[in-house]
Amino acid sequence: MMAKASSMKLGKNLILIGLTLQILFFGFFLICGGIFQYRLVRSPTPSSSRNSWTKYMYTLYAAGILILIRSLFRVIEFTQGNDGTIMTHEFYLYIFDGLLMLGVLVLFNVIHPGQLIGRRFDIESIRLDPRGEESSDGFVAERK
């Protein structure tokens, strides 16, 4: 019984360390995103001027906040242990885990980053390769 209790304590501590690292690194990622946006607003590039990228950054921030809230919830859940309020009441899991992740899913489906980085097949994207054949993907065909 003693080995099982120590294994459970070790597992709980590893999960808490992992969640704490996740919060720290994900928070750092969001801060880097904010710095990137700040610098791009101050000194826009030609490409950033042509694309409406700010809504994607705000979507990233909103999803990031939802994920951080979920991670904090998980830290509290594991800190309380198996007999804690969160572990013994399933509706907390639905609200702070399922609902938050559903929010992330909906955000990235409504404002999908593929709209920004996906290929656009318009007249400007059609190029001629050296043999005179059209290439709609923008790549030059290899010579044989």
N, C-alpha and C. Protein backbone atom coordinates (compact mmCIF):
# COMPACT_ATOMS: atom_id res chain seq x y z
N MET A 1 0.82 -1.19 0.00
CA MET A 1 0.00 0.00 0.00
C MET A 1 0.87 1.26 0.00
N MET A 2 2.02 1.17 0.65
CA MET A 2 2.90 2.33 0.73
C MET A 2 3.47 2.70 -0.64
N ALA A 3 3.84 1.69 -1.43
CA ALA A 3 4.39 1.95 -2.77
C ALA A 3 3.34 2.60 -3.65
N LYS A 4 2.09 2.20 -3.52
CA LYS A 4 1.03 2.77 -4.33
C LYS A 4 0.81 4.24 -3.98
N ALA A 5 0.84 4.56 -2.70
CA ALA A 5 0.65 5.95 -2.26
C ALA A 5 1.79 6.83 -2.75
N SER A 6 3.03 6.32 -2.69
CA SER A 6 4.16 7.12 -3.15
C SER A 6 4.13 7.29 -4.67
N SER A 7 3.69 6.26 -5.38
CA SER A 7 3.56 6.36 -6.84
C SER A 7 2.49 7.37 -7.21
N MET A 8 1.40 7.37 -6.49
CA MET A 8 0.33 8.34 -6.75
C MET A 8 0.81 9.76 -6.48
N LYS A 9 1.56 9.93 -5.39
CA LYS A 9 2.08 11.26 -5.06
C LYS A 9 3.07 11.73 -6.12
N LEU A 10 3.94 10.82 -6.58
CA LEU A 10 4.89 11.15 -7.63
C LEU A 10 4.15 11.53 -8.92
N GLY A 11 3.14 10.76 -9.29
CA GLY A 11 2.36 11.06 -10.48
C GLY A 11 1.68 12.42 -10.39
N LYS A 12 1.11 12.70 -9.23
CA LYS A 12 0.44 14.00 -9.01
C LYS A 12 1.45 15.14 -9.14
N ASN A 13 2.62 14.97 -8.56
CA ASN A 13 3.65 16.01 -8.63
C ASN A 13 4.15 16.21 -10.06
N LEU A 14 4.31 15.13 -10.80
CA LEU A 14 4.75 15.25 -12.19
C LEU A 14 3.70 15.97 -13.04
N ILE A 15 2.44 15.66 -12.81
CA ILE A 15 1.37 16.34 -13.54
C ILE A 15 1.35 17.83 -13.20
N LEU A 16 1.51 18.16 -11.91
CA LEU A 16 1.52 19.57 -11.50
C LEU A 16 2.72 20.31 -12.09
N ILE A 17 3.88 19.66 -12.13
CA ILE A 17 5.06 20.28 -12.74
C ILE A 17 4.81 20.50 -14.24
N GLY A 18 4.26 19.50 -14.90
CA GLY A 18 3.97 19.62 -16.33
C GLY A 18 2.96 20.72 -16.62
N LEU A 19 1.92 20.79 -15.83
CA LEU A 19 0.91 21.84 -16.04
C LEU A 19 1.49 23.23 -15.77
N THR A 20 2.32 23.33 -14.74
CA THR A 20 2.95 24.62 -14.44
C THR A 20 3.87 25.05 -15.58
N LEU A 21 4.66 24.12 -16.10
CA LEU A 21 5.51 24.43 -17.25
C LEU A 21 4.68 24.82 -18.47
N GLN A 22 3.56 24.11 -18.66
CA GLN A 22 2.67 24.44 -19.78
C GLN A 22 2.15 25.86 -19.65
N ILE A 23 1.73 26.25 -18.47
CA ILE A 23 1.22 27.60 -18.24
C ILE A 23 2.31 28.63 -18.51
N LEU A 24 3.51 28.37 -17.99
CA LEU A 24 4.62 29.32 -18.17
C LEU A 24 5.00 29.47 -19.63
N PHE A 25 5.18 28.36 -20.33
CA PHE A 25 5.60 28.44 -21.73
C PHE A 25 4.49 28.97 -22.64
N PHE A 26 3.27 28.61 -22.35
CA PHE A 26 2.17 29.11 -23.18
C PHE A 26 1.96 30.60 -22.93
N GLY A 27 2.12 31.02 -21.68
CA GLY A 27 2.07 32.45 -21.37
C GLY A 27 3.19 33.20 -22.08
N PHE A 28 4.39 32.62 -22.11
CA PHE A 28 5.52 33.21 -22.82
C PHE A 28 5.22 33.31 -24.31
N PHE A 29 4.60 32.27 -24.86
CA PHE A 29 4.22 32.28 -26.28
C PHE A 29 3.25 33.43 -26.57
N LEU A 30 2.26 33.63 -25.71
CA LEU A 30 1.30 34.72 -25.92
C LEU A 30 1.97 36.08 -25.79
N ILE A 31 2.92 36.20 -24.87
CA ILE A 31 3.66 37.45 -24.75
C ILE A 31 4.48 37.71 -26.01
N CYS A 32 5.13 36.67 -26.53
CA CYS A 32 5.88 36.82 -27.79
C CYS A 32 4.95 37.22 -28.94
N GLY A 33 3.75 36.65 -28.97
CA GLY A 33 2.77 37.04 -29.98
C GLY A 33 2.40 38.51 -29.85
N GLY A 34 2.23 38.97 -28.63
CA GLY A 34 1.92 40.38 -28.40
C GLY A 34 3.05 41.30 -28.83
N ILE A 35 4.28 40.90 -28.53
CA ILE A 35 5.44 41.69 -28.97
C ILE A 35 5.51 41.71 -30.49
N PHE A 36 5.28 40.56 -31.12
CA PHE A 36 5.27 40.48 -32.58
C PHE A 36 4.23 41.44 -33.16
N GLN A 37 3.02 41.41 -32.62
CA GLN A 37 1.95 42.27 -33.13
C GLN A 37 2.31 43.74 -32.92
N TYR A 38 2.83 44.07 -31.77
CA TYR A 38 3.21 45.46 -31.47
C TYR A 38 4.25 45.96 -32.47
N ARG A 39 5.26 45.13 -32.74
CA ARG A 39 6.31 45.54 -33.67
C ARG A 39 5.79 45.62 -35.10
N LEU A 40 4.89 44.73 -35.46
CA LEU A 40 4.36 44.75 -36.82
C LEU A 40 3.43 45.95 -37.04
N VAL A 41 2.74 46.36 -36.00
CA VAL A 41 1.90 47.56 -36.13
C VAL A 41 2.77 48.81 -36.27
N ARG A 42 3.86 48.84 -35.53
CA ARG A 42 4.76 50.00 -35.58
C ARG A 42 5.54 50.05 -36.90
N SER A 43 5.93 48.91 -37.43
CA SER A 43 6.70 48.85 -38.68
C SER A 43 6.13 47.77 -39.58
N PRO A 44 5.03 48.06 -40.25
CA PRO A 44 4.41 47.02 -41.09
C PRO A 44 5.26 46.67 -42.30
N THR A 45 5.18 45.40 -42.67
CA THR A 45 5.85 44.93 -43.88
C THR A 45 4.87 45.04 -45.04
N PRO A 46 5.35 44.99 -46.27
CA PRO A 46 4.41 45.04 -47.40
C PRO A 46 3.38 43.91 -47.36
N SER A 47 3.81 42.73 -46.97
CA SER A 47 2.89 41.59 -46.90
C SER A 47 1.84 41.79 -45.81
N SER A 48 2.26 42.32 -44.66
CA SER A 48 1.30 42.52 -43.58
C SER A 48 0.31 43.63 -43.90
N SER A 49 0.70 44.55 -44.76
CA SER A 49 -0.21 45.62 -45.16
C SER A 49 -1.30 45.10 -46.09
N ARG A 50 -0.99 44.05 -46.86
CA ARG A 50 -1.97 43.51 -47.80
C ARG A 50 -2.97 42.57 -47.13
N ASN A 51 -2.58 41.94 -46.03
CA ASN A 51 -3.43 40.94 -45.38
C ASN A 51 -4.03 41.48 -44.09
N SER A 52 -5.26 41.06 -43.83
CA SER A 52 -5.92 41.43 -42.57
C SER A 52 -5.58 40.36 -41.53
N TRP A 53 -4.44 40.51 -40.87
CA TRP A 53 -3.94 39.49 -39.95
C TRP A 53 -4.31 39.77 -38.50
N THR A 54 -4.76 40.97 -38.17
CA THR A 54 -5.01 41.30 -36.76
C THR A 54 -6.13 40.45 -36.15
N LYS A 55 -7.14 40.12 -36.93
CA LYS A 55 -8.21 39.29 -36.37
C LYS A 55 -7.68 37.90 -35.99
N TYR A 56 -6.67 37.42 -36.71
CA TYR A 56 -6.07 36.13 -36.38
C TYR A 56 -5.26 36.21 -35.09
N MET A 57 -4.62 37.33 -34.88
CA MET A 57 -3.87 37.51 -33.63
C MET A 57 -4.84 37.58 -32.45
N TYR A 58 -5.94 38.30 -32.60
CA TYR A 58 -6.93 38.38 -31.51
C TYR A 58 -7.57 37.02 -31.25
N THR A 59 -7.76 36.25 -32.31
CA THR A 59 -8.28 34.88 -32.14
C THR A 59 -7.27 34.04 -31.37
N LEU A 60 -6.00 34.19 -31.69
CA LEU A 60 -4.94 33.48 -30.97
C LEU A 60 -4.94 33.86 -29.49
N TYR A 61 -5.08 35.15 -29.19
CA TYR A 61 -5.10 35.60 -27.80
C TYR A 61 -6.31 35.02 -27.06
N ALA A 62 -7.48 35.07 -27.69
CA ALA A 62 -8.70 34.56 -27.05
C ALA A 62 -8.57 33.06 -26.78
N ALA A 63 -8.10 32.32 -27.77
CA ALA A 63 -7.91 30.87 -27.58
C ALA A 63 -6.86 30.61 -26.52
N GLY A 64 -5.80 31.40 -26.51
CA GLY A 64 -4.75 31.24 -25.51
C GLY A 64 -5.25 31.47 -24.10
N ILE A 65 -6.09 32.47 -23.94
CA ILE A 65 -6.66 32.74 -22.61
C ILE A 65 -7.55 31.60 -22.16
N LEU A 66 -8.36 31.07 -23.09
CA LEU A 66 -9.20 29.92 -22.75
C LEU A 66 -8.35 28.71 -22.34
N ILE A 67 -7.27 28.48 -23.05
CA ILE A 67 -6.38 27.36 -22.72
C ILE A 67 -5.69 27.59 -21.39
N LEU A 68 -5.27 28.82 -21.12
CA LEU A 68 -4.64 29.12 -19.83
C LEU A 68 -5.61 28.93 -18.67
N ILE A 69 -6.86 29.35 -18.85
CA ILE A 69 -7.88 29.14 -17.81
C ILE A 69 -8.07 27.66 -17.58
N ARG A 70 -8.13 26.89 -18.63
CA ARG A 70 -8.27 25.43 -18.51
C ARG A 70 -7.09 24.83 -17.76
N SER A 71 -5.90 25.28 -18.09
CA SER A 71 -4.70 24.76 -17.42
C SER A 71 -4.70 25.12 -15.94
N LEU A 72 -5.12 26.33 -15.61
CA LEU A 72 -5.22 26.72 -14.20
C LEU A 72 -6.25 25.86 -13.47
N PHE A 73 -7.36 25.59 -14.13
CA PHE A 73 -8.38 24.71 -13.58
C PHE A 73 -7.79 23.33 -13.29
N ARG A 74 -6.99 22.82 -14.22
CA ARG A 74 -6.39 21.50 -14.03
C ARG A 74 -5.40 21.50 -12.86
N VAL A 75 -4.66 22.59 -12.70
CA VAL A 75 -3.75 22.70 -11.55
C VAL A 75 -4.53 22.64 -10.25
N ILE A 76 -5.61 23.40 -10.18
CA ILE A 76 -6.44 23.40 -8.97
C ILE A 76 -7.04 22.01 -8.74
N GLU A 77 -7.49 21.38 -9.82
CA GLU A 77 -8.08 20.05 -9.73
C GLU A 77 -7.09 19.05 -9.13
N PHE A 78 -5.87 19.04 -9.63
CA PHE A 78 -4.89 18.07 -9.13
C PHE A 78 -4.35 18.45 -7.76
N THR A 79 -4.34 19.74 -7.44
CA THR A 79 -3.92 20.17 -6.10
C THR A 79 -4.90 19.69 -5.04
N GLN A 80 -6.19 19.71 -5.36
CA GLN A 80 -7.22 19.27 -4.41
C GLN A 80 -7.18 17.76 -4.18
N GLY A 81 -6.69 17.02 -5.15
CA GLY A 81 -6.61 15.57 -5.00
C GLY A 81 -7.88 14.87 -5.44
N ASN A 82 -7.89 13.54 -5.24
CA ASN A 82 -9.01 12.72 -5.69
C ASN A 82 -10.30 12.96 -4.91
N ASP A 83 -10.20 13.50 -3.72
CA ASP A 83 -11.39 13.76 -2.91
C ASP A 83 -11.82 15.21 -2.97
N GLY A 84 -11.18 16.01 -3.85
CA GLY A 84 -11.51 17.43 -3.95
C GLY A 84 -12.85 17.67 -4.60
N THR A 85 -13.31 18.88 -4.46
CA THR A 85 -14.61 19.28 -5.01
C THR A 85 -14.66 19.08 -6.52
N ILE A 86 -13.61 19.44 -7.20
CA ILE A 86 -13.62 19.36 -8.67
C ILE A 86 -13.67 17.91 -9.14
N MET A 87 -12.89 17.04 -8.50
CA MET A 87 -12.86 15.62 -8.90
C MET A 87 -14.18 14.91 -8.58
N THR A 88 -14.87 15.37 -7.56
CA THR A 88 -16.10 14.68 -7.15
C THR A 88 -17.37 15.25 -7.78
N HIS A 89 -17.25 16.37 -8.49
CA HIS A 89 -18.41 16.98 -9.16
C HIS A 89 -18.11 17.11 -10.64
N GLU A 90 -18.80 16.32 -11.44
CA GLU A 90 -18.51 16.22 -12.87
C GLU A 90 -18.81 17.50 -13.65
N PHE A 91 -19.74 18.30 -13.20
CA PHE A 91 -20.11 19.49 -13.97
C PHE A 91 -18.96 20.49 -14.07
N TYR A 92 -18.04 20.49 -13.11
CA TYR A 92 -16.86 21.36 -13.22
C TYR A 92 -16.01 20.96 -14.43
N LEU A 93 -15.91 19.67 -14.66
CA LEU A 93 -15.16 19.18 -15.81
C LEU A 93 -15.80 19.65 -17.12
N TYR A 94 -17.13 19.60 -17.18
CA TYR A 94 -17.82 20.04 -18.39
C TYR A 94 -17.64 21.54 -18.64
N ILE A 95 -17.66 22.32 -17.57
CA ILE A 95 -17.55 23.77 -17.72
C ILE A 95 -16.12 24.19 -18.01
N PHE A 96 -15.18 23.77 -17.13
CA PHE A 96 -13.82 24.28 -17.21
C PHE A 96 -12.89 23.48 -18.11
N ASP A 97 -13.37 22.40 -18.63
CA ASP A 97 -12.55 21.63 -19.57
C ASP A 97 -13.26 21.57 -20.92
N GLY A 98 -14.40 20.95 -20.96
CA GLY A 98 -15.12 20.77 -22.21
C GLY A 98 -15.58 22.06 -22.85
N LEU A 99 -16.19 22.94 -22.07
CA LEU A 99 -16.74 24.18 -22.62
C LEU A 99 -15.62 25.12 -23.10
N LEU A 100 -14.53 25.17 -22.35
CA LEU A 100 -13.42 26.03 -22.77
C LEU A 100 -12.77 25.51 -24.05
N MET A 101 -12.60 24.20 -24.15
CA MET A 101 -12.01 23.64 -25.37
C MET A 101 -12.97 23.73 -26.55
N LEU A 102 -14.27 23.65 -26.28
CA LEU A 102 -15.25 23.88 -27.34
C LEU A 102 -15.14 25.32 -27.85
N GLY A 103 -14.90 26.25 -26.93
CA GLY A 103 -14.70 27.65 -27.33
C GLY A 103 -13.50 27.81 -28.24
N VAL A 104 -12.40 27.12 -27.93
CA VAL A 104 -11.21 27.17 -28.78
C VAL A 104 -11.53 26.59 -30.15
N LEU A 105 -12.23 25.47 -30.17
CA LEU A 105 -12.60 24.81 -31.42
C LEU A 105 -13.46 25.74 -32.28
N VAL A 106 -14.45 26.36 -31.68
CA VAL A 106 -15.34 27.26 -32.42
C VAL A 106 -14.57 28.46 -32.94
N LEU A 107 -13.71 29.05 -32.09
CA LEU A 107 -12.91 30.20 -32.52
C LEU A 107 -12.11 29.90 -33.78
N PHE A 108 -11.40 28.77 -33.76
CA PHE A 108 -10.53 28.46 -34.90
C PHE A 108 -11.29 27.89 -36.09
N ASN A 109 -12.54 27.54 -35.93
CA ASN A 109 -13.34 27.16 -37.09
C ASN A 109 -14.00 28.37 -37.72
N VAL A 110 -14.38 29.34 -36.91
CA VAL A 110 -14.98 30.56 -37.45
C VAL A 110 -13.91 31.43 -38.10
N ILE A 111 -12.79 31.60 -37.42
CA ILE A 111 -11.68 32.39 -37.96
C ILE A 111 -10.51 31.44 -38.14
N HIS A 112 -10.51 30.74 -39.24
CA HIS A 112 -9.52 29.70 -39.49
C HIS A 112 -8.24 30.31 -40.06
N PRO A 113 -7.08 30.00 -39.48
CA PRO A 113 -5.83 30.58 -39.99
C PRO A 113 -5.51 30.16 -41.42
N GLY A 114 -6.11 29.09 -41.90
CA GLY A 114 -5.89 28.68 -43.28
C GLY A 114 -6.36 29.73 -44.28
N GLN A 115 -7.29 30.58 -43.85
CA GLN A 115 -7.75 31.66 -44.71
C GLN A 115 -6.61 32.65 -44.97
N LEU A 116 -5.71 32.77 -44.02
CA LEU A 116 -4.60 33.71 -44.14
C LEU A 116 -3.41 33.08 -44.84
N ILE A 117 -3.11 31.83 -44.53
CA ILE A 117 -1.91 31.21 -45.07
C ILE A 117 -2.19 30.23 -46.19
N GLY A 118 -3.46 29.99 -46.49
CA GLY A 118 -3.80 29.05 -47.55
C GLY A 118 -3.49 29.61 -48.91
N ARG A 119 -3.41 28.73 -49.88
CA ARG A 119 -3.15 29.17 -51.25
C ARG A 119 -4.41 29.78 -51.83
N ARG A 120 -4.21 30.83 -52.59
CA ARG A 120 -5.33 31.45 -53.30
C ARG A 120 -5.13 31.17 -54.79
N PHE A 121 -6.14 30.59 -55.39
CA PHE A 121 -6.06 30.26 -56.81
C PHE A 121 -6.78 31.34 -57.61
N ASP A 122 -6.13 32.46 -57.76
CA ASP A 122 -6.68 33.51 -58.59
C ASP A 122 -5.74 33.72 -59.78
N ILE A 123 -6.04 34.69 -60.59
CA ILE A 123 -5.28 34.90 -61.82
C ILE A 123 -3.83 35.26 -61.53
N GLU A 124 -3.55 35.90 -60.38
CA GLU A 124 -2.18 36.28 -60.06
C GLU A 124 -1.32 35.08 -59.65
N SER A 125 -1.95 34.00 -59.20
CA SER A 125 -1.17 32.86 -58.74
C SER A 125 -0.80 31.90 -59.86
N ILE A 126 -1.34 32.12 -61.05
CA ILE A 126 -1.02 31.25 -62.18
C ILE A 126 0.25 31.78 -62.85
N ARG A 127 1.26 30.94 -62.91
CA ARG A 127 2.54 31.33 -63.50
C ARG A 127 2.89 30.35 -64.62
N LEU A 128 3.76 30.78 -65.49
CA LEU A 128 4.23 29.90 -66.55
C LEU A 128 5.56 29.31 -66.15
N ASP A 129 5.73 28.01 -66.34
CA ASP A 129 7.03 27.41 -66.07
C ASP A 129 7.91 27.61 -67.31
N PRO A 130 9.20 27.27 -67.24
CA PRO A 130 10.11 27.53 -68.37
C PRO A 130 9.69 26.90 -69.69
N ARG A 131 8.88 25.84 -69.67
CA ARG A 131 8.44 25.21 -70.92
C ARG A 131 7.17 25.85 -71.46
N GLY A 132 6.64 26.86 -70.75
CA GLY A 132 5.45 27.54 -71.21
C GLY A 132 4.16 26.93 -70.72
N GLU A 133 4.24 25.95 -69.77
CA GLU A 133 3.03 25.33 -69.25
C GLU A 133 2.59 26.07 -67.99
N GLU A 134 1.26 26.16 -67.84
CA GLU A 134 0.72 26.84 -66.67
C GLU A 134 0.91 26.01 -65.42
N SER A 135 1.19 26.69 -64.32
CA SER A 135 1.33 26.03 -63.02
C SER A 135 0.50 26.83 -62.03
N SER A 136 -0.59 26.24 -61.54
CA SER A 136 -1.47 26.98 -60.64
C SER A 136 -0.96 27.02 -59.21
N ASP A 137 0.04 26.20 -58.88
CA ASP A 137 0.53 26.20 -57.52
C ASP A 137 1.70 27.15 -57.30
N GLY A 138 2.14 27.82 -58.32
CA GLY A 138 3.22 28.77 -58.16
C GLY A 138 4.60 28.14 -58.24
N PHE A 139 4.67 26.81 -58.35
CA PHE A 139 5.95 26.12 -58.40
C PHE A 139 6.35 25.92 -59.87
N VAL A 140 7.61 25.93 -60.10
CA VAL A 140 8.12 25.72 -61.46
C VAL A 140 8.32 24.22 -61.65
N ALA A 141 7.80 23.71 -62.74
CA ALA A 141 7.96 22.29 -63.05
C ALA A 141 9.43 21.99 -63.38
N GLU A 142 9.87 20.80 -62.98
CA GLU A 142 11.25 20.42 -63.26
C GLU A 142 11.42 20.10 -64.75
N ARG A 143 12.60 20.42 -65.26
CA ARG A 143 12.92 20.06 -66.65
C ARG A 143 13.37 18.62 -66.70
N LYS A 144 12.98 17.94 -67.78
CA LYS A 144 13.36 16.52 -67.92
C LYS A 144 14.44 16.37 -68.93
